[in-house]
Structure formats: C-alpha cells, structure tokens
Amino acid sequence: MESLPALLETVRACRLCEDILEPRPVLVASRTARILIVGQAPGRRVHESGVPFDDPSGDRLRDWMRLDREVFYDASRIAFLPMGFCFPGTGNGGDLPPPPRCAQTWHDRLYAQLGQLQLTLVIGAYAQARWFPESAGSGVTEVVRNWRGYGSAVLPLPHPSPRNNRWLRINDWFEAEVIPVLRRRVTRALRKTTD
C-alpha cells in the first residue's frame, strides 16, 4: 500500500484542473481518522485559509455534530475529503460544481488509506450523487429523509451553508430526527477503539 503522507503530498500538488480553476487542494486525512466528512468543495474562504469548513458552514456543522474546533480539526480523528479539493469558482446563485475529475482521480486511493473509519457524513447533492448512485435524481431532501436506509456507518446531510436556512426551516424534521442521531453516532465513533 502506498504511503498516505506521500499520497497527500501528491494530491496537494495536483494541477489537474488548472485550466478551469486556481489549484489549492484542501483536504485532511490520517490512517487513524474515525469520521470522514465528504462535502462538495471548498468555498472562497476555505480556499484562502486552507482549512476545511473554516466558514459559517463549518460553524453550523460543528454545532450539528456538537464538537468544538479542537476535536473537529484533529486530523487523527476526523478526515475531510470533499468531492472537489479546490474552490471551483462562483456562478449564478453560488459556487460552481466541483469538477468530477478530482474525485475520480483521488478518492478511491485516499479511501483505501482510511481503515479505521466508523462514520462517514455525506454532505450535499454532489457527494450524495457519488455515494448513493441508486438515489440519483431524487434530490437532497429525499436522500436525507431516507437516512435510516444507509446503515449506521453512513449518514447523509444537507449542506450546512447559510444558503440552506430556508430548507432547514421547511424541513424541521431534520433537526428533530437526524441531528440527535448524528450526535450519538459522532460520540460513538470517536469513543470506539479498534483491536
């Protein structure tokens, strides 16, 4: 098996998409990570800081998970592998979609290094389309509503962006049903030890 530090160095030097965006891959992974967060792609603020979810979306996600920044950014516990590792740019109404070639090129090799995962959070439409291809076209609401069908090690979530405030108001079942389950699963994943 290839060395994870060498692989991360290679990914961070990636220039596959330099024809369409400014490369600055943002990802975090370690062999001991217990939780994997798979999101869409870094936003502009994350692109500038180089820290995953270092924005209002991250504030909400940490609240949903009931984690402080110290634990959330502890690479030995939590990995971040978005569908696109670089900020894709801004379009009408928000950020552009992540280029598919990023996940196609790197994800399988990186996932193979994460052997101690206990929980994977699949955030937003782009991540859910890749993780749940059988649900393609059903939309984030239906994928998240059917969270029980994905087992105890994977949990689909809407994107925690402030742009989703309306979705969260309309779908109040999410906070009532899913957030308590998310918090229990996060606690269990971080406490669980392996042989």
C-alpha atoms as a PDB file:
ATOM      1  CA  MET A   1       0.000   0.000   0.000  1.00  0.00           C
ATOM      2  CA  GLU A   2       1.274   3.459  -0.832  1.00  0.00           C
ATOM      3  CA  SER A   3       2.271   5.821   1.942  1.00  0.00           C
ATOM      4  CA  LEU A   4      -0.512   8.194   2.996  1.00  0.00           C
ATOM      5  CA  PRO A   5       1.874  11.132   3.609  1.00  0.00           C
ATOM      6  CA  ALA A   6       3.316  10.694   0.102  1.00  0.00           C
ATOM      7  CA  LEU A   7      -0.160  10.420  -1.407  1.00  0.00           C
ATOM      8  CA  LEU A   8      -1.334  13.571   0.409  1.00  0.00           C
ATOM      9  CA  GLU A   9       1.742  15.419  -0.844  1.00  0.00           C
ATOM     10  CA  THR A  10       0.942  14.325  -4.400  1.00  0.00           C
ATOM     11  CA  VAL A  11      -2.717  15.373  -4.075  1.00  0.00           C
ATOM     12  CA  ARG A  12      -1.778  18.756  -2.612  1.00  0.00           C
ATOM     13  CA  ALA A  13       0.471  19.328  -5.641  1.00  0.00           C
ATOM     14  CA  CYS A  14      -2.341  18.359  -8.055  1.00  0.00           C
ATOM     15  CA  ARG A  15      -2.882  20.649 -11.030  1.00  0.00           C
ATOM     16  CA  LEU A  16      -5.451  18.545 -12.948  1.00  0.00           C
ATOM     17  CA  CYS A  17      -7.988  21.373 -13.053  1.00  0.00           C
ATOM     18  CA  GLU A  18      -5.709  24.386 -13.511  1.00  0.00           C
ATOM     19  CA  ASP A  19      -7.354  25.010 -16.882  1.00  0.00           C
ATOM     20  CA  ILE A  20     -10.623  25.900 -15.079  1.00  0.00           C
ATOM     21  CA  LEU A  21      -9.683  26.962 -11.529  1.00  0.00           C
ATOM     22  CA  GLU A  22      -6.851  28.099  -9.280  1.00  0.00           C
ATOM     23  CA  PRO A  23      -5.434  24.918  -7.693  1.00  0.00           C
ATOM     24  CA  ARG A  24      -5.144  24.851  -3.918  1.00  0.00           C
ATOM     25  CA  PRO A  25      -6.295  21.420  -2.758  1.00  0.00           C
ATOM     26  CA  VAL A  26      -7.842  21.416   0.719  1.00  0.00           C
ATOM     27  CA  LEU A  27      -8.155  18.001   2.357  1.00  0.00           C
ATOM     28  CA  VAL A  28      -7.237  16.267   5.595  1.00  0.00           C
ATOM     29  CA  ALA A  29      -6.692  12.547   6.115  1.00  0.00           C
ATOM     30  CA  SER A  30      -4.938  10.205   8.512  1.00  0.00           C
ATOM     31  CA  ARG A  31      -4.931   6.442   8.948  1.00  0.00           C
ATOM     32  CA  THR A  32      -6.433   6.852  12.438  1.00  0.00           C
ATOM     33  CA  ALA A  33      -9.408   9.020  11.408  1.00  0.00           C
ATOM     34  CA  ARG A  34     -12.689   7.755  12.852  1.00  0.00           C
ATOM     35  CA  ILE A  35     -15.027  10.112  10.977  1.00  0.00           C
ATOM     36  CA  LEU A  36     -14.929  11.078   7.309  1.00  0.00           C
ATOM     37  CA  ILE A  37     -16.658  14.238   6.135  1.00  0.00           C
ATOM     38  CA  VAL A  38     -17.372  14.240   2.401  1.00  0.00           C
ATOM     39  CA  GLY A  39     -18.659  17.610   1.229  1.00  0.00           C
ATOM     40  CA  GLN A  40     -18.879  19.480  -2.045  1.00  0.00           C
ATOM     41  CA  ALA A  41     -15.763  21.632  -2.477  1.00  0.00           C
ATOM     42  CA  PRO A  42     -14.020  24.412  -0.570  1.00  0.00           C
ATOM     43  CA  GLY A  43     -15.668  27.810  -0.691  1.00  0.00           C
ATOM     44  CA  ARG A  44     -13.709  31.002  -1.232  1.00  0.00           C
ATOM     45  CA  ARG A  45     -12.928  31.475   2.485  1.00  0.00           C
ATOM     46  CA  VAL A  46     -11.698  27.898   2.824  1.00  0.00           C
ATOM     47  CA  HIS A  47      -9.629  28.312  -0.346  1.00  0.00           C
ATOM     48  CA  GLU A  48      -7.935  31.316   1.253  1.00  0.00           C
ATOM     49  CA  SER A  49      -7.378  29.749   4.686  1.00  0.00           C
ATOM     50  CA  GLY A  50      -6.616  26.197   3.546  1.00  0.00           C
ATOM     51  CA  VAL A  51      -8.721  24.867   6.464  1.00  0.00           C
ATOM     52  CA  PRO A  52     -11.804  22.704   5.707  1.00  0.00           C
ATOM     53  CA  PHE A  53     -15.145  24.175   6.769  1.00  0.00           C
ATOM     54  CA  ASP A  54     -13.439  27.313   8.111  1.00  0.00           C
ATOM     55  CA  ASP A  55     -16.558  29.387   7.490  1.00  0.00           C
ATOM     56  CA  PRO A  56     -20.188  29.736   8.660  1.00  0.00           C
ATOM     57  CA  SER A  57     -20.977  26.309   7.160  1.00  0.00           C
ATOM     58  CA  GLY A  58     -18.337  24.829   9.442  1.00  0.00           C
ATOM     59  CA  ASP A  59     -19.770  26.642  12.449  1.00  0.00           C
ATOM     60  CA  ARG A  60     -23.150  25.041  11.776  1.00  0.00           C
ATOM     61  CA  LEU A  61     -21.668  21.611  11.047  1.00  0.00           C
ATOM     62  CA  ARG A  62     -19.697  21.670  14.312  1.00  0.00           C
ATOM     63  CA  ASP A  63     -22.906  22.621  16.128  1.00  0.00           C
ATOM     64  CA  TRP A  64     -24.796  19.781  14.448  1.00  0.00           C
ATOM     65  CA  MET A  65     -22.025  17.374  15.487  1.00  0.00           C
ATOM     66  CA  ARG A  66     -21.671  19.008  18.915  1.00  0.00           C
ATOM     67  CA  LEU A  67     -17.891  19.287  18.523  1.00  0.00           C
ATOM     68  CA  ASP A  68     -15.520  22.080  19.392  1.00  0.00           C
ATOM     69  CA  ARG A  69     -12.892  23.274  16.914  1.00  0.00           C
ATOM     70  CA  GLU A  70     -10.110  21.344  18.646  1.00  0.00           C
ATOM     71  CA  VAL A  71     -11.769  17.954  18.096  1.00  0.00           C
ATOM     72  CA  PHE A  72     -13.262  18.883  14.706  1.00  0.00           C
ATOM     73  CA  TYR A  73      -9.822  19.764  13.350  1.00  0.00           C
ATOM     74  CA  ASP A  74      -7.961  16.886  14.980  1.00  0.00           C
ATOM     75  CA  ALA A  75      -6.673  15.074  11.888  1.00  0.00           C
ATOM     76  CA  SER A  76      -6.107  11.909  13.890  1.00  0.00           C
ATOM     77  CA  ARG A  77      -9.888  11.723  14.423  1.00  0.00           C
ATOM     78  CA  ILE A  78     -11.605  13.454  11.502  1.00  0.00           C
ATOM     79  CA  ALA A  79     -10.819  13.378   7.782  1.00  0.00           C
ATOM     80  CA  PHE A  80     -12.123  15.797   5.148  1.00  0.00           C
ATOM     81  CA  LEU A  81     -12.293  14.647   1.522  1.00  0.00           C
ATOM     82  CA  PRO A  82     -14.640  16.869  -0.488  1.00  0.00           C
ATOM     83  CA  MET A  83     -15.785  15.919  -3.974  1.00  0.00           C
ATOM     84  CA  GLY A  84     -13.520  18.649  -5.303  1.00  0.00           C
ATOM     85  CA  PHE A  85     -10.418  19.644  -3.361  1.00  0.00           C
ATOM     86  CA  CYS A  86     -10.161  23.162  -4.838  1.00  0.00           C
ATOM     87  CA  PHE A  87     -12.534  26.141  -4.897  1.00  0.00           C
ATOM     88  CA  PRO A  88     -14.383  25.766  -8.225  1.00  0.00           C
ATOM     89  CA  GLY A  89     -15.304  29.445  -8.574  1.00  0.00           C
ATOM     90  CA  THR A  90     -18.597  31.296  -8.299  1.00  0.00           C
ATOM     91  CA  GLY A  91     -21.553  31.102 -10.657  1.00  0.00           C
ATOM     92  CA  ASN A  92     -25.127  32.362 -10.585  1.00  0.00           C
ATOM     93  CA  GLY A  93     -26.518  31.773  -7.110  1.00  0.00           C
ATOM     94  CA  GLY A  94     -23.485  30.160  -5.543  1.00  0.00           C
ATOM     95  CA  ASP A  95     -20.297  28.234  -6.054  1.00  0.00           C
ATOM     96  CA  LEU A  96     -19.790  26.216  -9.213  1.00  0.00           C
ATOM     97  CA  PRO A  97     -19.975  22.413  -9.011  1.00  0.00           C
ATOM     98  CA  PRO A  98     -16.796  20.508  -8.180  1.00  0.00           C
ATOM     99  CA  PRO A  99     -15.080  19.121 -11.285  1.00  0.00           C
ATOM    100  CA  PRO A 100     -15.717  15.337 -11.356  1.00  0.00           C
ATOM    101  CA  ARG A 101     -12.111  14.526 -12.269  1.00  0.00           C
ATOM    102  CA  CYS A 102     -10.939  15.319  -8.735  1.00  0.00           C
ATOM    103  CA  ALA A 103     -12.982  12.585  -7.050  1.00  0.00           C
ATOM    104  CA  GLN A 104     -12.466  10.233  -9.997  1.00  0.00           C
ATOM    105  CA  THR A 105      -8.702  10.611  -9.739  1.00  0.00           C
ATOM    106  CA  TRP A 106      -8.086  10.649  -5.991  1.00  0.00           C
ATOM    107  CA  HIS A 107     -10.950   9.393  -3.849  1.00  0.00           C
ATOM    108  CA  ASP A 108     -10.523   5.621  -4.163  1.00  0.00           C
ATOM    109  CA  ARG A 109      -6.814   5.845  -3.372  1.00  0.00           C
ATOM    110  CA  LEU A 110      -7.463   8.072  -0.367  1.00  0.00           C
ATOM    111  CA  TYR A 111     -10.401   5.998   0.978  1.00  0.00           C
ATOM    112  CA  ALA A 112      -8.195   2.922   0.868  1.00  0.00           C
ATOM    113  CA  GLN A 113      -5.962   4.611   3.462  1.00  0.00           C
ATOM    114  CA  LEU A 114      -8.780   5.251   5.959  1.00  0.00           C
ATOM    115  CA  GLY A 115      -9.159   1.844   7.549  1.00  0.00           C
ATOM    116  CA  GLN A 116     -10.439   2.935  10.961  1.00  0.00           C
ATOM    117  CA  LEU A 117     -13.493   4.893   9.858  1.00  0.00           C
ATOM    118  CA  GLN A 118     -16.597   4.398  11.950  1.00  0.00           C
ATOM    119  CA  LEU A 119     -18.813   7.097  10.405  1.00  0.00           C
ATOM    120  CA  THR A 120     -18.990   8.881   7.068  1.00  0.00           C
ATOM    121  CA  LEU A 121     -21.016  12.094   6.720  1.00  0.00           C
ATOM    122  CA  VAL A 122     -22.106  12.633   3.112  1.00  0.00           C
ATOM    123  CA  ILE A 123     -22.950  16.309   2.750  1.00  0.00           C
ATOM    124  CA  GLY A 124     -24.919  17.847  -0.092  1.00  0.00           C
ATOM    125  CA  ALA A 125     -26.060  16.832  -3.550  1.00  0.00           C
ATOM    126  CA  TYR A 126     -22.695  16.256  -5.252  1.00  0.00           C
ATOM    127  CA  ALA A 127     -21.368  13.958  -2.537  1.00  0.00           C
ATOM    128  CA  GLN A 128     -24.692  12.146  -2.284  1.00  0.00           C
ATOM    129  CA  ALA A 129     -24.811  11.549  -6.046  1.00  0.00           C
ATOM    130  CA  ARG A 130     -21.466   9.731  -5.838  1.00  0.00           C
ATOM    131  CA  TRP A 131     -22.119   7.834  -2.604  1.00  0.00           C
ATOM    132  CA  PHE A 132     -25.735   6.901  -3.334  1.00  0.00           C
ATOM    133  CA  PRO A 133     -25.965   6.459  -7.122  1.00  0.00           C
ATOM    134  CA  GLU A 134     -29.180   4.470  -6.709  1.00  0.00           C
ATOM    135  CA  SER A 135     -30.798   7.695  -5.452  1.00  0.00           C
ATOM    136  CA  ALA A 136     -29.636   9.819  -8.407  1.00  0.00           C
ATOM    137  CA  GLY A 137     -32.181  12.448  -9.277  1.00  0.00           C
ATOM    138  CA  SER A 138     -34.195  12.093  -6.078  1.00  0.00           C
ATOM    139  CA  GLY A 139     -32.714  15.239  -4.505  1.00  0.00           C
ATOM    140  CA  VAL A 140     -31.105  16.051  -1.182  1.00  0.00           C
ATOM    141  CA  THR A 141     -34.403  16.133   0.693  1.00  0.00           C
ATOM    142  CA  GLU A 142     -35.305  12.561  -0.215  1.00  0.00           C
ATOM    143  CA  VAL A 143     -31.791  11.227   0.348  1.00  0.00           C
ATOM    144  CA  VAL A 144     -31.605  12.819   3.795  1.00  0.00           C
ATOM    145  CA  ARG A 145     -35.180  11.813   4.625  1.00  0.00           C
ATOM    146  CA  ASN A 146     -34.207   8.192   3.911  1.00  0.00           C
ATOM    147  CA  TRP A 147     -31.165   8.325   6.234  1.00  0.00           C
ATOM    148  CA  ARG A 148     -32.208   5.125   8.030  1.00  0.00           C
ATOM    149  CA  GLY A 149     -31.686   3.128   4.836  1.00  0.00           C
ATOM    150  CA  TYR A 150     -27.938   3.760   4.637  1.00  0.00           C
ATOM    151  CA  GLY A 151     -26.885   1.875   7.761  1.00  0.00           C
ATOM    152  CA  SER A 152     -25.242   3.113  10.927  1.00  0.00           C
ATOM    153  CA  ALA A 153     -21.845   3.951   9.388  1.00  0.00           C
ATOM    154  CA  VAL A 154     -23.049   6.468   6.766  1.00  0.00           C
ATOM    155  CA  LEU A 155     -25.276   9.491   7.270  1.00  0.00           C
ATOM    156  CA  PRO A 156     -26.418  11.860   4.504  1.00  0.00           C
ATOM    157  CA  LEU A 157     -26.797  15.515   5.493  1.00  0.00           C
ATOM    158  CA  PRO A 158     -27.888  18.689   3.730  1.00  0.00           C
ATOM    159  CA  HIS A 159     -25.160  21.241   3.240  1.00  0.00           C
ATOM    160  CA  PRO A 160     -24.827  23.339   6.423  1.00  0.00           C
ATOM    161  CA  SER A 161     -24.459  26.552   4.401  1.00  0.00           C
ATOM    162  CA  PRO A 162     -26.465  29.595   5.485  1.00  0.00           C
ATOM    163  CA  ARG A 163     -27.920  29.429   1.961  1.00  0.00           C
ATOM    164  CA  ASN A 164     -29.867  26.405   3.205  1.00  0.00           C
ATOM    165  CA  ASN A 165     -31.636  28.264   6.033  1.00  0.00           C
ATOM    166  CA  ARG A 166     -34.919  28.076   4.111  1.00  0.00           C
ATOM    167  CA  TRP A 167     -34.500  24.323   3.532  1.00  0.00           C
ATOM    168  CA  LEU A 168     -33.875  23.826   7.252  1.00  0.00           C
ATOM    169  CA  ARG A 169     -36.984  25.825   8.177  1.00  0.00           C
ATOM    170  CA  ILE A 170     -39.180  23.899   5.751  1.00  0.00           C
ATOM    171  CA  ASN A 171     -37.724  20.532   6.743  1.00  0.00           C
ATOM    172  CA  ASP A 172     -37.897  20.882  10.518  1.00  0.00           C
ATOM    173  CA  TRP A 173     -37.956  17.065  10.822  1.00  0.00           C
ATOM    174  CA  PHE A 174     -34.224  17.159  10.027  1.00  0.00           C
ATOM    175  CA  GLU A 175     -33.312  18.923  13.263  1.00  0.00           C
ATOM    176  CA  ALA A 176     -35.796  16.881  15.288  1.00  0.00           C
ATOM    177  CA  GLU A 177     -34.934  13.430  13.849  1.00  0.00           C
ATOM    178  CA  VAL A 178     -31.482  13.476  12.296  1.00  0.00           C
ATOM    179  CA  ILE A 179     -29.403  15.821  14.456  1.00  0.00           C
ATOM    180  CA  PRO A 180     -29.839  13.734  17.645  1.00  0.00           C
ATOM    181  CA  VAL A 181     -28.832  10.596  15.701  1.00  0.00           C
ATOM    182  CA  LEU A 182     -25.862  12.431  14.197  1.00  0.00           C
ATOM    183  CA  ARG A 183     -24.662  13.492  17.649  1.00  0.00           C
ATOM    184  CA  ARG A 184     -24.975   9.980  19.056  1.00  0.00           C
ATOM    185  CA  ARG A 185     -23.123   8.480  16.106  1.00  0.00           C
ATOM    186  CA  VAL A 186     -20.339  11.075  16.315  1.00  0.00           C
ATOM    187  CA  THR A 187     -19.882  10.413  20.034  1.00  0.00           C
ATOM    188  CA  ARG A 188     -19.843   6.655  19.479  1.00  0.00           C
ATOM    189  CA  ALA A 189     -17.406   6.877  16.541  1.00  0.00           C
ATOM    190  CA  LEU A 190     -14.940   8.996  18.458  1.00  0.00           C
ATOM    191  CA  ARG A 191     -15.077   6.783  21.576  1.00  0.00           C
ATOM    192  CA  LYS A 192     -14.876   3.440  19.827  1.00  0.00           C
ATOM    193  CA  THR A 193     -11.494   1.756  19.819  1.00  0.00           C
ATOM    194  CA  THR A 194     -10.177  -0.892  17.475  1.00  0.00           C
ATOM    195  CA  ASP A 195      -8.248  -4.030  18.340  1.00  0.00           C
END
